[in-house]
Protein backbone atom coordinates (compact mmCIF):
# COMPACT_ATOMS: atom_id res chain seq x y z
CA MET A 1 -19.07 198.45 86.44
CA SER A 2 -19.18 196.94 89.98
CA GLY A 3 -22.14 198.05 91.31
CA ALA A 4 -25.20 195.25 91.60
CA SER A 5 -27.92 196.62 89.99
CA PHE A 6 -29.83 194.10 87.86
CA PHE A 7 -31.27 191.51 89.78
CA GLY A 8 -28.37 191.81 92.39
CA HIS A 9 -26.12 191.36 89.45
CA PRO A 10 -23.58 193.56 87.66
CA LYS A 11 -24.50 196.27 85.57
CA GLY A 12 -22.98 195.02 82.63
CA LEU A 13 -25.07 191.90 82.81
CA SER A 14 -28.38 194.09 81.99
CA THR A 15 -26.19 195.45 78.74
CA LEU A 16 -25.54 191.62 77.57
CA PHE A 17 -28.76 190.83 78.57
CA PHE A 18 -30.66 192.98 76.22
CA THR A 19 -28.32 192.82 73.44
CA GLU A 20 -28.45 188.86 73.30
CA MET A 21 -32.14 188.88 73.81
CA TRP A 22 -32.53 191.08 70.48
CA GLU A 23 -30.05 188.96 68.84
CA ARG A 24 -31.94 186.22 69.50
CA PHE A 25 -35.07 187.93 68.74
CA SER A 26 -33.62 188.67 65.05
CA TYR A 27 -32.11 184.89 64.51
CA TYR A 28 -35.30 182.78 66.02
CA GLY A 29 -37.56 185.66 64.12
CA LEU A 30 -35.54 184.98 60.85
CA ARG A 31 -34.82 181.02 60.71
CA PRO A 32 -38.19 179.76 60.51
CA LEU A 33 -39.48 182.44 58.53
CA LEU A 34 -37.13 181.04 55.67
CA ILE A 35 -38.31 177.90 54.74
CA LEU A 36 -41.82 179.58 54.34
CA PHE A 37 -40.35 182.36 52.39
CA MET A 38 -38.56 179.96 49.87
CA THR A 39 -41.26 177.23 49.21
CA ALA A 40 -44.22 180.20 48.68
CA ALA A 41 -44.71 180.28 45.13
CA ILE A 42 -43.17 183.15 43.16
CA MET A 43 -46.99 184.81 42.59
CA ASP A 44 -46.99 184.84 46.32
CA GLY A 45 -43.51 186.54 47.13
CA GLY A 46 -41.56 183.63 47.46
CA PHE A 47 -38.79 181.63 45.54
CA GLY A 48 -40.84 178.60 44.54
CA PHE A 49 -38.16 176.21 45.88
CA GLU A 50 -38.99 172.65 46.24
CA ARG A 51 -39.43 171.78 49.96
CA ALA A 52 -36.28 169.45 50.47
CA GLN A 53 -34.13 172.00 48.81
CA ALA A 54 -35.70 174.85 50.84
CA SER A 55 -35.27 172.90 53.89
CA ALA A 56 -31.53 171.78 53.51
CA ILE A 57 -30.64 175.23 52.58
CA VAL A 58 -31.81 176.18 56.46
CA GLY A 59 -29.94 173.50 57.83
CA ILE A 60 -26.90 174.48 56.16
CA TYR A 61 -27.45 178.32 57.71
CA ALA A 62 -28.27 177.08 60.69
CA ALA A 63 -25.21 174.66 60.77
CA CYS A 64 -23.03 177.36 59.46
CA VAL A 65 -23.73 179.75 62.44
CA TYR A 66 -22.89 177.34 64.79
CA LEU A 67 -19.51 176.62 63.17
CA ALA A 68 -18.68 180.38 62.92
CA SER A 69 -18.67 180.33 66.54
CA LEU A 70 -15.17 178.71 66.16
CA PRO A 71 -13.19 181.06 64.10
CA GLY A 72 -15.66 184.01 65.62
CA GLY A 73 -13.81 183.29 68.91
CA TRP A 74 -10.33 182.82 67.50
CA VAL A 75 -10.58 186.26 65.64
CA ALA A 76 -11.82 187.90 68.73
CA ASP A 77 -9.01 186.47 71.09
CA ARG A 78 -6.27 187.24 68.44
CA LEU A 79 -7.24 189.86 66.80
CA LEU A 80 -10.37 192.08 67.68
CA GLY A 81 -10.99 191.71 71.43
CA LEU A 82 -14.41 190.46 72.72
CA ARG A 83 -15.76 193.55 72.76
CA ARG A 84 -15.17 195.08 69.28
CA ALA A 85 -15.94 191.31 67.90
CA ILE A 86 -19.56 191.80 69.32
CA PHE A 87 -20.11 195.28 68.09
CA TRP A 88 -19.09 194.43 64.46
CA GLY A 89 -21.05 190.97 64.64
CA ALA A 90 -23.80 193.08 65.16
CA VAL A 91 -23.26 195.42 62.56
CA LEU A 92 -22.68 192.36 59.96
CA ILE A 93 -25.94 191.09 61.10
CA SER A 94 -28.02 193.91 60.95
CA CYS A 95 -26.38 194.78 57.26
CA GLY A 96 -27.39 190.71 56.65
CA HIS A 97 -31.13 191.64 57.70
CA LEU A 98 -31.04 194.31 55.22
CA SER A 99 -29.84 192.57 52.72
CA ILE A 100 -32.74 189.81 52.86
CA GLY A 101 -35.36 192.43 53.42
CA LEU A 102 -34.03 194.21 50.23
CA SER A 103 -34.50 190.85 48.26
CA SER A 104 -38.34 190.85 48.92
CA PHE A 105 -38.64 193.77 47.19
CA ALA A 106 -36.00 193.27 44.47
CA GLN A 107 -37.22 189.37 43.89
CA SER A 108 -33.79 188.69 43.77
CA LYS A 109 -31.70 185.80 45.06
CA VAL A 110 -28.77 187.38 45.45
CA PRO A 111 -29.39 189.56 48.33
CA PHE A 112 -30.94 187.14 49.95
CA PHE A 113 -28.35 184.88 50.27
CA MET A 114 -25.86 187.51 50.73
CA GLY A 115 -27.61 188.30 54.05
CA LEU A 116 -27.56 185.08 55.15
CA VAL A 117 -23.95 184.85 54.49
CA LEU A 118 -23.26 188.05 56.61
CA ILE A 119 -25.96 186.74 59.21
CA VAL A 120 -23.65 183.69 59.73
CA LEU A 121 -20.13 185.92 59.88
CA GLY A 122 -21.57 188.21 62.34
CA THR A 123 -23.53 185.45 64.64
CA GLY A 124 -20.06 183.67 64.66
CA LEU A 125 -18.28 186.64 65.94
CA MET A 126 -21.08 188.05 68.47
CA LYS A 127 -22.48 184.87 70.12
CA PRO A 128 -19.27 182.80 71.38
CA ASN A 129 -17.75 186.32 72.81
CA ILE A 130 -21.05 187.73 74.34
CA SER A 131 -21.20 184.26 76.66
CA ALA A 132 -17.44 184.83 77.36
CA ILE A 133 -18.07 188.24 78.64
CA VAL A 134 -20.95 187.06 80.69
CA GLY A 135 -18.40 184.67 82.44
CA ASP A 136 -16.04 187.55 82.57
CA LEU A 137 -18.47 189.57 85.06
CA TYR A 138 -18.07 187.01 87.75
CA PRO A 139 -14.04 186.29 88.18
CA GLU A 140 -14.97 184.89 91.83
CA GLY A 141 -16.95 182.09 89.81
CA GLY A 142 -19.34 180.04 92.13
CA ALA A 143 -23.36 180.11 92.50
CA ARG A 144 -23.64 183.55 91.46
CA ARG A 145 -22.00 183.18 88.09
CA ASP A 146 -24.25 180.20 87.23
CA ALA A 147 -27.26 182.30 88.36
CA GLY A 148 -25.90 185.11 86.19
CA PHE A 149 -25.78 182.67 83.33
CA SER A 150 -29.24 181.76 83.84
CA ILE A 151 -30.84 185.10 83.99
CA PHE A 152 -28.69 185.17 80.49
CA TYR A 153 -30.52 182.18 79.34
CA MET A 154 -33.69 183.65 80.37
CA GLY A 155 -33.13 186.52 78.03
CA ILE A 156 -32.14 184.28 75.06
CA ASN A 157 -35.58 182.38 75.42
CA ILE A 158 -37.45 186.09 75.69
CA GLY A 159 -36.07 187.11 72.25
CA ALA A 160 -36.94 183.70 70.83
CA PHE A 161 -40.51 183.64 72.11
CA ALA A 162 -41.03 187.20 70.88
CA GLY A 163 -38.93 187.37 67.74
CA GLN A 164 -41.41 184.16 66.25
CA ILE A 165 -44.49 186.00 67.57
CA ILE A 166 -43.65 189.22 65.93
CA THR A 167 -42.37 188.03 62.92
CA GLY A 168 -44.64 185.24 62.11
CA PHE A 169 -47.61 187.92 62.20
CA LEU A 170 -46.30 190.15 59.82
CA GLY A 171 -44.57 187.69 57.50
CA GLU A 172 -47.41 185.39 56.75
CA ARG A 173 -49.90 188.18 57.18
CA ILE A 174 -48.92 191.43 55.89
CA GLY A 175 -45.75 190.55 53.51
CA TRP A 176 -42.42 188.50 53.67
CA HIS A 177 -40.19 191.59 53.95
CA TRP A 178 -42.29 192.87 56.99
CA GLY A 179 -41.45 189.85 58.68
CA PHE A 180 -37.54 190.29 57.37
CA GLY A 181 -37.71 193.75 58.41
CA ALA A 182 -39.10 193.18 62.14
CA ALA A 183 -36.18 190.78 62.50
CA GLY A 184 -33.74 193.33 61.17
CA VAL A 185 -35.16 195.99 63.38
CA GLY A 186 -34.72 193.98 66.35
CA MET A 187 -30.82 193.40 65.69
CA LEU A 188 -30.65 197.06 64.92
CA VAL A 189 -31.84 197.91 68.62
CA GLY A 190 -29.61 195.27 70.05
CA LEU A 191 -26.52 196.96 68.08
CA LEU A 192 -27.74 200.40 69.53
CA TRP A 193 -28.38 199.23 73.11
CA TYR A 194 -24.86 197.57 73.11
CA ALA A 195 -22.93 200.63 71.39
CA ARG A 196 -24.34 203.11 74.06
CA LEU A 197 -23.89 201.20 77.03
CA ALA A 198 -21.08 198.92 76.84
CA ARG A 199 -18.56 201.55 77.63
CA THR A 200 -20.22 202.59 80.90
CA THR A 201 -21.16 199.37 82.40
CA LEU A 202 -18.52 196.96 80.96
CA GLY A 203 -15.43 198.75 82.22
CA ASP A 204 -11.98 197.26 80.57
CA ILE A 205 -13.44 194.01 80.32
CA GLY A 206 -13.01 192.21 76.75
CA LEU A 207 -11.22 195.52 75.13
CA ALA A 208 -8.03 193.79 74.26
CA PRO A 209 -7.16 190.69 72.52
CA THR A 210 -4.60 188.08 74.10
CA ARG A 211 -1.26 189.31 73.77
CA HIS A 212 2.01 187.48 73.23
CA ALA A 213 4.53 188.73 75.94
CA ASP A 214 7.03 189.25 72.99
CA PRO A 215 5.96 192.39 70.84
CA VAL A 216 7.85 190.92 68.00
CA MET A 217 5.96 187.42 68.39
CA GLN A 218 2.79 189.75 68.69
CA ALA A 219 3.18 191.78 65.71
CA ARG A 220 3.88 188.46 63.65
CA GLN A 221 0.90 186.93 65.07
CA GLU A 222 -1.27 189.46 64.02
CA ARG A 223 0.05 189.89 60.79
CA ARG A 224 -0.46 186.49 59.91
CA GLY A 225 -3.96 186.26 61.76
CA TRP A 226 -5.07 189.46 59.63
CA MET A 227 -3.71 187.57 56.36
CA ALA A 228 -5.64 184.44 57.02
CA LEU A 229 -9.03 186.32 57.87
CA VAL A 230 -8.74 188.46 54.45
CA SER A 231 -7.84 185.22 52.47
CA GLY A 232 -11.01 183.38 53.87
CA LEU A 233 -13.15 186.59 53.64
CA ALA A 234 -11.83 186.67 49.96
CA LEU A 235 -12.52 183.28 49.04
CA LEU A 236 -15.97 183.35 50.48
CA VAL A 237 -16.70 186.73 48.68
CA LEU A 238 -15.52 184.71 45.56
CA VAL A 239 -17.44 181.62 45.86
CA VAL A 240 -20.63 183.81 46.51
CA THR A 241 -20.32 186.11 43.39
CA LEU A 242 -19.38 183.01 41.36
CA THR A 243 -22.86 181.25 42.35
CA ALA A 244 -24.78 184.23 41.90
CA LEU A 245 -23.55 185.12 38.46
CA ASP A 246 -24.52 181.34 38.13
CA ILE A 247 -20.92 180.37 36.94
CA PHE A 248 -21.55 177.27 39.24
CA THR A 249 -24.17 175.65 40.37
CA ILE A 250 -24.81 174.34 44.32
CA ASP A 251 -26.92 171.74 44.99
CA PRO A 252 -27.90 172.44 48.79
CA GLN A 253 -29.15 168.89 49.28
CA ARG A 254 -25.80 167.35 48.02
CA LEU A 255 -23.59 170.17 49.74
CA GLY A 256 -25.49 169.36 53.34
CA GLU A 257 -24.66 165.46 52.91
CA LEU A 258 -20.87 166.56 51.97
CA MET A 259 -20.67 168.91 54.85
CA ILE A 260 -22.07 165.90 57.48
CA TYR A 261 -19.24 163.83 55.90
CA LEU A 262 -16.80 166.66 56.53
CA LEU A 263 -17.66 167.42 60.23
CA VAL A 264 -18.03 164.30 61.39
CA GLY A 265 -14.62 163.34 59.58
CA LEU A 266 -13.21 166.72 61.47
CA ALA A 267 -14.60 164.89 64.82
CA VAL A 268 -13.07 161.57 64.50
CA ALA A 269 -9.60 162.89 63.12
CA PHE A 270 -9.74 165.26 66.34
CA PHE A 271 -10.39 162.76 68.69
CA ALA A 272 -7.60 160.31 67.06
CA TYR A 273 -4.99 163.25 67.22
CA ILE A 274 -5.40 163.90 71.02
CA PHE A 275 -5.80 160.24 71.62
CA ILE A 276 -2.51 159.45 69.96
CA ALA A 277 -0.45 162.79 70.18
CA GLY A 278 -2.50 164.81 72.75
CA GLY A 279 -0.05 163.52 75.87
CA LEU A 280 -3.07 162.80 77.85
CA THR A 281 -3.26 160.40 80.89
CA VAL A 282 -5.14 157.16 80.66
CA GLU A 283 -7.84 158.96 83.01
CA GLU A 284 -8.37 162.18 80.72
CA LYS A 285 -8.16 159.58 77.54
CA LYS A 286 -11.19 157.69 79.40
CA ARG A 287 -13.09 160.96 79.70
CA CYS A 288 -12.12 161.86 76.21
CA ALA A 289 -13.98 158.87 75.03
CA VAL A 290 -16.83 159.68 77.11
CA ILE A 291 -17.18 163.08 75.39
CA PHE A 292 -16.81 161.33 72.18
CA VAL A 293 -19.70 159.47 73.06
CA LEU A 294 -22.24 162.24 74.24
CA PHE A 295 -21.19 163.94 70.81
CA VAL A 296 -22.50 161.04 69.25
CA PHE A 297 -25.41 161.11 71.01
CA ALA A 298 -25.96 164.75 70.75
CA ALA A 299 -25.94 165.00 67.41
CA ALA A 300 -28.84 162.55 67.28
CA PHE A 301 -30.83 164.80 69.25
CA TRP A 302 -30.24 167.83 67.58
CA GLY A 303 -30.68 166.34 64.48
CA ALA A 304 -34.61 165.61 65.32
CA PHE A 305 -34.84 168.66 67.49
CA GLU A 306 -34.14 170.85 64.71
CA GLN A 307 -36.56 169.77 62.31
CA ALA A 308 -38.86 172.48 64.38
CA PRO A 309 -38.20 174.98 61.51
CA THR A 310 -38.55 172.74 58.97
CA SER A 311 -40.49 169.58 59.03
CA LEU A 312 -42.46 170.55 62.29
CA ASN A 313 -43.30 174.00 60.64
CA LEU A 314 -44.19 172.82 57.32
CA PHE A 315 -46.82 170.49 59.29
CA ALA A 316 -47.87 173.37 61.11
CA ARG A 317 -48.80 175.48 57.97
CA ASP A 318 -50.16 172.71 56.12
CA PHE A 319 -51.84 170.45 58.17
CA THR A 320 -52.54 171.69 61.32
CA ASP A 321 -56.40 173.80 62.48
CA ARG A 322 -54.82 176.90 63.31
CA ASN A 323 -58.21 178.55 63.87
CA LEU A 324 -58.93 179.83 67.40
CA ALA A 325 -62.10 182.01 67.82
CA GLY A 326 -62.15 182.94 64.04
CA PHE A 327 -58.60 183.98 64.11
CA GLU A 328 -56.05 182.04 62.12
CA VAL A 329 -53.10 181.64 64.31
CA PRO A 330 -49.74 182.26 61.97
CA SER A 331 -47.93 178.88 61.69
CA LEU A 332 -44.69 180.39 63.05
CA TRP A 333 -45.98 180.98 66.22
CA PHE A 334 -45.84 177.49 66.97
CA GLN A 335 -42.18 177.78 67.03
CA SER A 336 -42.12 180.19 69.82
CA ILE A 337 -43.79 177.41 72.27
CA ASN A 338 -40.29 175.88 72.93
CA ALA A 339 -39.12 179.29 74.01
CA ALA A 340 -41.87 179.50 76.43
CA PHE A 341 -41.86 176.05 77.80
CA ILE A 342 -37.97 176.71 78.41
CA VAL A 343 -38.81 180.08 80.55
CA LEU A 344 -41.43 177.80 82.36
CA PHE A 345 -39.58 174.76 83.27
CA ALA A 346 -35.89 175.61 83.41
CA PRO A 347 -36.14 176.64 87.26
CA VAL A 348 -38.41 173.52 87.64
CA PHE A 349 -35.38 171.27 86.33
CA ALA A 350 -32.92 173.06 88.22
CA ALA A 351 -34.67 172.23 91.39
CA MET A 352 -35.65 168.66 90.54
CA TRP A 353 -31.88 167.74 89.90
CA VAL A 354 -31.04 169.56 93.42
CA ARG A 355 -33.78 167.59 95.32
CA MET A 356 -33.15 164.20 93.51
CA ALA A 357 -29.45 165.00 94.67
CA LYS A 358 -30.59 165.18 98.23
CA HIS A 359 -32.54 162.20 98.24
CA GLY A 360 -29.38 160.31 96.90
CA ILE A 361 -30.82 159.67 93.70
CA GLU A 362 -28.85 161.72 91.59
CA LEU A 363 -28.47 161.09 87.64
CA SER A 364 -25.13 160.96 85.68
CA SER A 365 -24.49 163.06 82.73
CA PRO A 366 -25.16 160.05 80.44
CA ALA A 367 -28.65 158.74 82.27
CA LYS A 368 -29.85 162.30 81.92
CA PHE A 369 -28.69 162.42 78.26
CA ALA A 370 -30.74 159.11 78.04
CA VAL A 371 -33.74 160.76 79.09
CA GLY A 372 -33.62 163.77 77.04
CA LEU A 373 -33.36 161.32 74.05
CA LEU A 374 -36.39 159.16 75.29
CA LEU A 375 -38.39 162.45 75.84
CA ALA A 376 -37.39 163.78 72.32
CA GLY A 377 -38.42 160.42 70.76
CA LEU A 378 -41.89 160.31 72.58
CA GLY A 379 -42.11 163.84 71.09
CA PHE A 380 -42.15 162.68 67.52
CA LEU A 381 -44.10 159.47 68.45
CA VAL A 382 -47.29 161.53 69.32
CA MET A 383 -47.06 163.15 65.67
CA VAL A 384 -47.37 159.75 64.24
CA PRO A 385 -51.00 159.54 64.61
CA ALA A 386 -51.33 163.15 63.74
CA ALA A 387 -49.86 162.57 60.46
CA ASN A 388 -51.74 159.28 59.90
CA ILE A 389 -55.13 161.21 60.49
CA VAL A 390 -53.97 163.54 57.58
CA LEU A 391 -52.83 160.66 55.39
CA ALA A 392 -56.06 159.06 55.86
CA SER A 393 -58.06 162.10 54.84
CA GLY A 394 -55.85 162.58 51.62
CA GLY A 395 -54.74 165.50 52.70
CA THR A 396 -57.98 167.28 53.51
CA ALA A 397 -58.14 167.02 57.22
CA ARG A 398 -56.37 169.50 59.76
CA VAL A 399 -55.65 167.97 63.06
CA SER A 400 -55.67 169.82 66.53
CA ALA A 401 -52.74 172.03 67.32
CA TRP A 402 -52.57 170.16 70.43
CA TRP A 403 -50.47 167.50 68.92
CA LEU A 404 -47.75 170.04 67.99
CA THR A 405 -48.18 171.64 71.54
CA LEU A 406 -47.72 168.18 73.13
CA SER A 407 -44.84 167.20 70.97
CA TYR A 408 -42.86 170.56 71.34
CA LEU A 409 -43.63 169.96 75.21
CA LEU A 410 -41.86 166.62 75.13
CA GLN A 411 -39.00 168.10 73.06
CA THR A 412 -38.33 171.07 75.51
CA LEU A 413 -38.29 168.50 78.50
CA GLY A 414 -35.75 166.74 76.70
CA GLU A 415 -33.83 169.54 75.79
CA LEU A 416 -33.93 170.91 79.51
CA ALA A 417 -32.53 167.32 80.16
CA LEU A 418 -30.00 167.22 77.89
CA SER A 419 -28.57 170.48 76.78
CA PRO A 420 -27.53 171.97 79.70
CA VAL A 421 -25.88 168.71 80.93
CA GLY A 422 -24.07 168.73 77.86
CA LEU A 423 -22.57 172.07 78.08
CA SER A 424 -21.42 171.25 81.89
CA SER A 425 -19.96 168.03 81.08
CA MET A 426 -17.79 169.38 78.10
CA THR A 427 -15.94 171.64 81.13
CA LYS A 428 -16.15 168.56 83.86
CA LEU A 429 -14.84 166.02 81.24
CA ALA A 430 -12.33 167.67 79.18
CA PRO A 431 -8.59 167.86 79.88
CA ARG A 432 -7.88 171.58 80.87
CA LYS A 433 -5.74 172.14 77.90
CA TYR A 434 -8.69 171.18 75.87
CA VAL A 435 -11.65 172.87 77.53
CA GLY A 436 -12.01 175.52 74.60
CA GLN A 437 -11.77 172.77 71.70
CA MET A 438 -13.78 170.64 73.67
CA MET A 439 -17.01 173.37 73.63
CA GLY A 440 -16.18 173.69 69.92
CA ILE A 441 -17.29 170.06 69.70
CA TRP A 442 -20.19 170.47 71.60
CA PHE A 443 -21.21 173.11 68.55
CA LEU A 444 -19.78 171.00 66.08
CA ALA A 445 -22.41 168.31 67.42
CA ALA A 446 -25.06 170.90 66.91
CA SER A 447 -24.07 171.96 63.80
CA VAL A 448 -24.09 168.15 62.32
CA GLY A 449 -27.63 167.97 63.89
CA ASN A 450 -28.84 171.16 61.95
CA LEU A 451 -27.71 169.36 58.82
CA ILE A 452 -29.32 166.17 59.31
CA ALA A 453 -32.63 168.12 60.32
CA GLY A 454 -32.42 170.14 56.93
CA LEU A 455 -31.91 167.07 55.09
CA VAL A 456 -34.98 165.33 56.31
CA GLY A 457 -37.30 168.09 57.04
CA GLY A 458 -38.41 168.82 53.50
CA ASN A 459 -40.31 165.23 53.84
CA VAL A 460 -43.34 166.81 54.94
CA ASP A 461 -45.40 167.69 51.36
CA PRO A 462 -48.87 167.75 50.51
CA GLU A 463 -48.10 165.96 47.32
CA GLN A 464 -45.92 163.22 49.15
CA LEU A 465 -48.52 162.57 52.03
CA ASP A 466 -47.13 159.00 53.06
CA GLN A 467 -43.70 160.31 53.84
CA THR A 468 -44.86 162.24 56.91
CA PRO A 469 -45.78 159.67 59.18
CA ALA A 470 -42.68 157.96 57.99
CA LEU A 471 -40.43 160.66 58.90
CA PHE A 472 -42.03 160.94 62.36
CA LEU A 473 -41.95 157.40 63.02
CA TRP A 474 -38.37 156.51 62.00
CA THR A 475 -37.08 159.93 63.93
CA ALA A 476 -39.21 158.55 67.23
CA ILE A 477 -37.90 155.33 66.63
CA ALA A 478 -34.12 156.56 66.03
CA LEU A 479 -34.37 158.36 68.92
CA CYS A 480 -35.78 155.69 71.48
CA ALA A 481 -32.80 153.34 69.96
CA ALA A 482 -30.33 155.61 70.63
CA ALA A 483 -31.69 156.28 74.46
CA GLY A 484 -31.96 152.49 74.91
CA ILE A 485 -28.39 151.97 73.86
CA LEU A 486 -27.19 154.91 76.01
CA GLY A 487 -28.90 153.72 78.88
CA LEU A 488 -27.00 150.15 78.41
CA LEU A 489 -23.93 152.03 78.54
CA VAL A 490 -24.73 154.42 81.52
CA ILE A 491 -22.80 151.89 83.84
CA PRO A 492 -19.60 151.56 81.96
CA ILE A 493 -19.60 155.04 80.89
CA ARG A 494 -19.82 155.92 84.54
CA ARG A 495 -17.18 154.26 85.84
CA MET A 496 -14.97 156.03 82.81
CA MET A 497 -15.93 159.20 84.43
CA GLY A 498 -14.19 158.43 87.76
CA GLY A 499 -12.89 161.44 89.40
CA THR A 500 -15.42 164.10 87.95
CA GLY A 501 -17.95 163.60 90.91
CA GLU A 502 -20.47 161.33 88.82
CA SER A 503 -18.74 157.68 89.10
CA ALA A 504 -21.29 157.05 92.12
CA ARG A 505 -24.26 158.78 90.37
CA ALA A 506 -27.05 156.42 88.64
């Protein structure tokens, strides 16, 4: 296991790299296909859902994927261990894709939504724990560990790029079940890869859950943990069954709105608790206040950025000229642009931050956040004239694909300025005893953002053309305003970050 054989890194990294690559292939290959399938007419093999309803479902699904990371990490730590959690997570995801694929043949909503639930549960078990094992490959820490995570992150984006190219072509051109099936095959390949190589390349890393020193207490904790897990799953099965039997109906838009209030309320309650009863020093409270501010602005960023599989996906399908030398480019291929730009520009950004620091102009975390928000705002601003061209034509015009490409470029640059910095800031600013929970807060911001994106993303509709330029304009205004507000707060926030190495940055 210790032999360096994968780009100079432990062999175990190759196992985790390809497992995660195929999992992201399946996730990103499926997600943008969902709204196109659900809004397609029944005669075209879809469900014929309203756009707003389908977009809200996609938002809830993506939000729950992020939220599931929190109990998924707990189950791995307390009950299964990291390795078994990853394996069973991959099994659940594979079953979920199989269930969704069957729904295309059966023309039934029950296996479709059951499949989404299984994918949420499986991703919650797999995603946080596979990242944890990557870290465990480098007990020495340091730059080599950072490099290992950079390679791992490349695998994520390679999977995202390939998944959307393949499932987009199959799903839109041949049949929905072919696209769903391709995503499922990708996850199955990842599962088989992990099952075959984990034992020989990972050694004993992640095999055992965290154990209490007292065997009696350990047995009691395990018993309570399994009871909590079984009870939670039983409640989930009951809700899904009652919904499938039409005993009660769930309004996705209303549910999404309630979830936003609930999640934001949870974040506020958490911060209130640690400020009042968390036993923090004055300095730690200041840093937690900074985390709360970054949480708010991160949620705003993701609320715009995660419109990619909803509003921007629909714009690509309905209003973009996708003809290339006689070949009509599948609309889902536009979803892969972000991943391609990440692969191209991530090394550039990493080198740029280092070079700026050498010249004494290193930006602080809130300053980088402000830059990220501004770039994303500009990304939506360039879509306003494109949407106005469509509006002026009464919906008959198809605009150049360069509009979306430029928008995705600016949003990707914004993501590179904000997302890695946010992850790093959580670890630097969080009090030592709350590091894990603060990482959960970061995922919570992404979850809230996905919900917001899902609720507004259905406003791209050929029947209501005036909504599209308004959606893009107000999204751009909100992001640029957020960037301006955060820019004004950079200096006071920087002072509150004293002791983290950022107090002297711009």
